[in-house]
N, C-alpha and C. Protein backbone atom coordinates (compact mmCIF):
# COMPACT_ATOMS: atom_id res chain seq x y z
N MET A 1 76.50 107.39 100.75
CA MET A 1 77.67 106.71 99.82
C MET A 1 77.94 105.37 100.27
N SER A 2 78.37 104.54 99.54
CA SER A 2 78.83 103.29 100.60
C SER A 2 80.24 103.36 100.49
N GLU A 3 80.33 102.34 101.47
CA GLU A 3 82.44 102.90 102.12
C GLU A 3 83.13 101.39 101.85
N TYR A 4 83.75 101.40 101.31
CA TYR A 4 84.90 100.28 100.44
C TYR A 4 86.28 100.69 101.04
N LYS A 5 86.59 99.85 101.58
CA LYS A 5 88.05 100.25 101.37
C LYS A 5 89.00 100.54 100.76
N THR A 6 89.84 100.65 100.61
CA THR A 6 91.06 101.17 100.02
C THR A 6 92.51 101.72 100.55
N LEU A 7 93.46 101.30 100.25
CA LEU A 7 94.72 101.81 100.39
C LEU A 7 95.76 102.69 100.11
N TYR A 8 95.65 103.86 101.17
CA TYR A 8 96.40 105.03 100.63
C TYR A 8 97.39 105.49 101.58
N LEU A 9 98.63 105.51 101.31
CA LEU A 9 99.74 105.20 102.32
C LEU A 9 100.79 107.19 102.36
N SER A 10 100.57 107.94 101.05
CA SER A 10 101.65 108.60 100.51
C SER A 10 100.54 109.97 100.40
N ALA A 11 100.57 110.89 101.13
CA ALA A 11 99.93 112.30 100.45
C ALA A 11 101.36 112.24 98.73
N LYS A 12 101.58 111.73 98.38
CA LYS A 12 102.18 111.85 97.24
C LYS A 12 101.60 111.46 95.26
N ASP A 13 101.00 109.92 96.78
CA ASP A 13 100.13 108.75 95.83
C ASP A 13 99.82 109.75 94.27
N SER A 14 99.44 108.85 93.39
CA SER A 14 98.15 109.41 92.51
C SER A 14 97.10 108.23 92.53
N VAL A 15 97.28 107.33 92.97
CA VAL A 15 96.81 105.71 92.79
C VAL A 15 96.21 105.53 94.23
N ALA A 16 94.81 105.06 94.51
CA ALA A 16 94.82 103.88 95.79
C ALA A 16 95.24 102.58 95.17
N VAL A 17 94.39 101.35 96.32
CA VAL A 17 94.67 100.49 95.90
C VAL A 17 92.93 99.68 96.27
N ALA A 18 92.63 99.09 96.03
CA ALA A 18 90.82 98.98 96.59
C ALA A 18 91.10 96.82 97.06
N LEU A 19 90.40 97.40 98.40
CA LEU A 19 90.77 96.07 99.68
C LEU A 19 89.41 95.25 99.46
N SER A 20 88.89 95.57 98.21
CA SER A 20 87.37 94.73 97.62
C SER A 20 87.34 95.41 96.02
N GLU A 21 86.50 94.29 95.99
CA GLU A 21 85.33 94.71 94.42
C GLU A 21 84.66 95.62 94.61
N ILE A 22 84.80 97.18 93.40
CA ILE A 22 84.59 97.76 94.24
C ILE A 22 83.96 98.24 92.76
N PRO A 23 82.33 98.50 92.36
CA PRO A 23 81.86 98.34 90.93
C PRO A 23 81.99 99.88 90.36
N GLU A 24 81.58 100.02 89.29
CA GLU A 24 81.24 101.20 88.64
C GLU A 24 79.82 102.04 89.11
N ASN A 25 80.48 103.36 88.82
CA ASN A 25 78.53 104.19 89.33
C ASN A 25 79.06 104.61 91.04
N THR A 26 80.52 104.00 91.05
CA THR A 26 80.28 104.10 92.76
C THR A 26 81.54 105.17 93.46
N SER A 27 80.71 106.10 94.09
CA SER A 27 81.41 107.02 94.78
C SER A 27 82.30 106.68 96.19
N VAL A 28 83.76 106.28 96.09
CA VAL A 28 84.41 106.24 97.06
C VAL A 28 84.72 107.16 98.17
N VAL A 29 85.00 106.23 99.52
CA VAL A 29 86.36 107.39 100.64
C VAL A 29 87.25 107.09 100.50
N VAL A 30 88.34 107.98 100.20
CA VAL A 30 90.30 107.34 100.32
C VAL A 30 90.47 108.67 101.74
N LYS A 31 90.69 108.07 101.92
CA LYS A 31 91.18 108.59 103.87
C LYS A 31 92.87 108.51 103.54
N THR A 32 92.78 109.72 103.40
CA THR A 32 94.09 110.39 103.09
C THR A 32 95.49 111.35 103.98
N GLY A 33 94.52 110.91 105.70
CA GLY A 33 95.34 111.23 106.58
C GLY A 33 94.82 113.30 106.77
N ILE A 34 95.31 113.75 105.57
CA ILE A 34 94.70 114.75 105.30
C ILE A 34 93.34 115.11 105.33
N GLU A 35 93.00 114.69 104.79
CA GLU A 35 91.35 114.41 104.47
C GLU A 35 91.04 113.59 103.83
N ASP A 36 89.60 113.84 103.35
CA ASP A 36 88.95 112.83 102.31
C ASP A 36 88.78 113.11 101.78
N LEU A 37 89.11 112.11 100.54
CA LEU A 37 89.48 112.66 98.88
C LEU A 37 87.75 111.04 98.63
N VAL A 38 86.72 112.25 97.77
CA VAL A 38 85.59 111.34 97.36
C VAL A 38 85.27 110.69 96.18
N VAL A 39 85.51 109.64 95.60
CA VAL A 39 86.71 109.53 94.33
C VAL A 39 85.54 108.79 93.28
N PRO A 40 84.77 109.68 92.27
CA PRO A 40 83.63 108.48 91.63
C PRO A 40 84.14 107.48 90.77
N ILE A 41 84.18 106.15 91.47
CA ILE A 41 84.46 104.95 90.33
C ILE A 41 83.88 105.06 88.76
N ILE A 42 84.55 104.79 87.76
CA ILE A 42 83.57 105.19 87.18
C ILE A 42 84.71 103.54 85.64
N GLU A 43 84.79 102.78 86.22
CA GLU A 43 84.71 101.71 85.56
C GLU A 43 84.98 100.15 87.07
N PRO A 44 84.94 99.20 87.18
CA PRO A 44 84.64 97.99 88.04
C PRO A 44 85.99 97.93 88.23
N ILE A 45 86.56 98.29 90.01
CA ILE A 45 87.98 97.87 90.58
C ILE A 45 87.95 96.59 91.04
N ARG A 46 89.23 95.51 90.35
CA ARG A 46 89.22 94.43 91.28
C ARG A 46 90.01 94.31 92.53
N PHE A 47 89.23 93.58 93.21
CA PHE A 47 90.16 93.06 94.56
C PHE A 47 91.60 94.26 94.24
N GLY A 48 92.68 93.94 95.12
CA GLY A 48 93.88 94.36 94.71
C GLY A 48 94.60 95.21 93.69
N HIS A 49 93.29 95.55 92.99
CA HIS A 49 94.41 96.62 91.89
C HIS A 49 94.22 98.04 91.89
N LYS A 50 94.86 98.64 91.60
CA LYS A 50 94.60 100.17 91.61
C LYS A 50 93.82 101.27 91.08
N PHE A 51 93.46 102.06 91.52
CA PHE A 51 92.71 103.64 90.62
C PHE A 51 93.30 104.93 91.22
N ALA A 52 92.76 105.40 89.81
CA ALA A 52 93.61 107.32 89.98
C ALA A 52 93.06 107.89 91.07
N VAL A 53 93.61 108.28 91.97
CA VAL A 53 92.78 109.25 92.78
C VAL A 53 92.48 110.39 92.42
N LYS A 54 93.31 111.01 90.95
CA LYS A 54 92.45 112.33 90.44
C LYS A 54 93.44 111.76 88.68
N ALA A 55 92.78 113.21 88.31
CA ALA A 55 93.43 112.79 86.98
C ALA A 55 95.31 112.35 86.51
N ILE A 56 95.23 111.83 85.75
CA ILE A 56 96.43 111.66 85.04
C ILE A 56 96.85 111.77 84.35
N GLU A 57 98.01 112.86 84.04
CA GLU A 57 98.00 113.42 82.35
C GLU A 57 98.99 112.73 82.29
N GLN A 58 98.87 111.97 80.75
CA GLN A 58 99.42 111.44 79.64
C GLN A 58 100.45 111.73 79.98
N GLY A 59 101.81 110.57 79.91
CA GLY A 59 103.54 110.65 80.30
C GLY A 59 103.78 111.12 81.98
N ALA A 60 102.58 111.52 82.75
CA ALA A 60 103.08 111.97 83.78
C ALA A 60 103.18 110.87 85.47
N ASP A 61 104.55 110.48 86.01
CA ASP A 61 104.28 109.27 87.09
C ASP A 61 103.37 108.81 87.66
N ILE A 62 102.86 107.78 87.87
CA ILE A 62 101.96 107.43 88.77
C ILE A 62 102.36 107.30 89.87
N ILE A 63 101.99 107.19 91.22
CA ILE A 63 102.77 106.85 92.20
C ILE A 63 102.17 106.48 93.48
N LYS A 64 102.85 105.45 94.11
CA LYS A 64 101.69 104.25 94.74
C LYS A 64 103.22 104.13 95.80
N TYR A 65 102.65 104.59 97.09
CA TYR A 65 103.04 104.00 97.83
C TYR A 65 103.97 105.25 98.63
N GLY A 66 104.58 106.40 98.14
CA GLY A 66 105.18 107.44 97.77
C GLY A 66 106.73 106.83 96.38
N GLU A 67 105.90 106.46 95.97
CA GLU A 67 107.28 105.85 95.24
C GLU A 67 106.25 105.99 93.56
N VAL A 68 107.85 106.24 92.72
CA VAL A 68 107.11 106.12 91.16
C VAL A 68 106.80 104.20 90.34
N ILE A 69 105.82 104.34 90.01
CA ILE A 69 105.91 102.98 89.78
C ILE A 69 105.68 103.11 88.29
N GLY A 70 105.67 104.30 87.82
CA GLY A 70 105.68 103.67 86.10
C GLY A 70 105.08 105.51 85.58
N ALA A 71 104.39 105.42 84.83
CA ALA A 71 104.30 106.54 83.86
C ALA A 71 102.98 106.65 82.78
N ALA A 72 102.51 107.34 82.56
CA ALA A 72 101.12 107.21 82.91
C ALA A 72 101.21 106.74 80.64
N SER A 73 100.64 106.20 80.43
CA SER A 73 100.79 105.58 78.75
C SER A 73 99.12 106.90 77.91
N ALA A 74 98.64 106.79 79.04
CA ALA A 74 97.64 107.87 78.29
C ALA A 74 96.62 108.57 79.58
N ASN A 75 95.83 109.00 79.05
CA ASN A 75 95.47 110.40 79.90
C ASN A 75 94.53 109.18 80.85
N ILE A 76 95.11 109.53 81.95
CA ILE A 76 93.94 108.15 82.89
C ILE A 76 92.41 109.55 83.86
N PRO A 77 91.60 109.41 84.21
CA PRO A 77 90.71 110.31 85.01
C PRO A 77 90.89 109.69 86.08
N ALA A 78 90.04 110.33 87.02
CA ALA A 78 90.20 110.03 88.84
C ALA A 78 88.60 108.76 88.26
N GLY A 79 89.45 107.77 89.09
CA GLY A 79 88.32 106.70 89.05
C GLY A 79 89.13 105.89 88.31
N ALA A 80 89.63 105.77 87.26
CA ALA A 80 89.52 105.26 86.35
C ALA A 80 90.69 103.68 87.10
N HIS A 81 90.42 102.99 86.24
CA HIS A 81 91.52 101.63 86.57
C HIS A 81 93.22 101.93 86.06
N VAL A 82 93.91 101.79 86.69
CA VAL A 82 95.40 102.00 86.64
C VAL A 82 96.39 100.93 86.40
N HIS A 83 96.43 100.28 85.33
CA HIS A 83 96.86 98.72 85.55
C HIS A 83 97.80 99.13 83.96
N VAL A 84 98.29 97.99 83.31
CA VAL A 84 98.97 97.33 82.08
C VAL A 84 98.58 98.57 80.96
N HIS A 85 97.38 98.23 80.91
CA HIS A 85 96.89 99.12 79.68
C HIS A 85 97.20 100.68 80.11
N ASN A 86 97.15 100.85 80.74
CA ASN A 86 97.35 102.46 80.73
C ASN A 86 98.97 103.50 81.91
N LEU A 87 99.80 102.01 82.17
CA LEU A 87 100.54 102.52 82.50
C LEU A 87 101.66 102.05 82.25
N GLU A 88 103.37 102.17 81.82
CA GLU A 88 104.07 101.91 81.50
C GLU A 88 105.15 101.60 82.12
N GLY A 89 105.62 100.52 82.54
CA GLY A 89 106.93 100.94 83.85
C GLY A 89 108.20 101.70 82.84
N LYS A 90 109.01 102.06 84.45
CA LYS A 90 109.88 102.53 83.84
C LYS A 90 111.25 102.06 84.42
N ARG A 91 111.31 100.81 85.42
CA ARG A 91 112.30 100.78 86.35
C ARG A 91 113.19 99.11 85.55
N GLY A 92 113.95 99.66 85.60
CA GLY A 92 115.02 98.42 84.55
C GLY A 92 114.91 99.45 83.01
N ARG A 93 114.78 99.66 83.41
CA ARG A 93 114.98 100.73 81.81
C ARG A 93 116.48 101.85 81.62
N GLY A 94 117.14 101.73 80.32
CA GLY A 94 117.89 102.30 80.11
C GLY A 94 117.68 103.58 80.00
N ASP A 95 116.76 103.94 78.96
CA ASP A 95 115.82 105.07 78.51
C ASP A 95 115.25 105.99 79.34
N LYS A 96 114.84 105.00 80.57
CA LYS A 96 113.85 105.93 81.84
C LYS A 96 115.00 106.29 82.04
N ASN A 97 114.51 107.63 83.02
CA ASN A 97 115.02 107.23 84.37
C ASN A 97 113.68 107.58 85.64
N CYS A 98 113.51 106.52 86.33
CA CYS A 98 113.10 106.97 87.92
C CYS A 98 113.71 107.50 88.78
């Protein structure tokens, strides 16, 4: 299994950040401090971008660095790129509570 560096700071996180380019069809090991998660990457992840470490249901909060950064606007499978195409921001909106 290839070793790609990732950033994962909280056991609550549903995403990790790629610290290098990660090609699709690669498995990465995300070190959580408790256990290592093996995540099969299903699409290319660019440096600095997020990917789901577990499946995230549509409408569920997306958590990065222990904080809610938005909600899933679609079902997101583990290993998928998480970005504006499937993440809806909640901050600064009067109709959403964060």
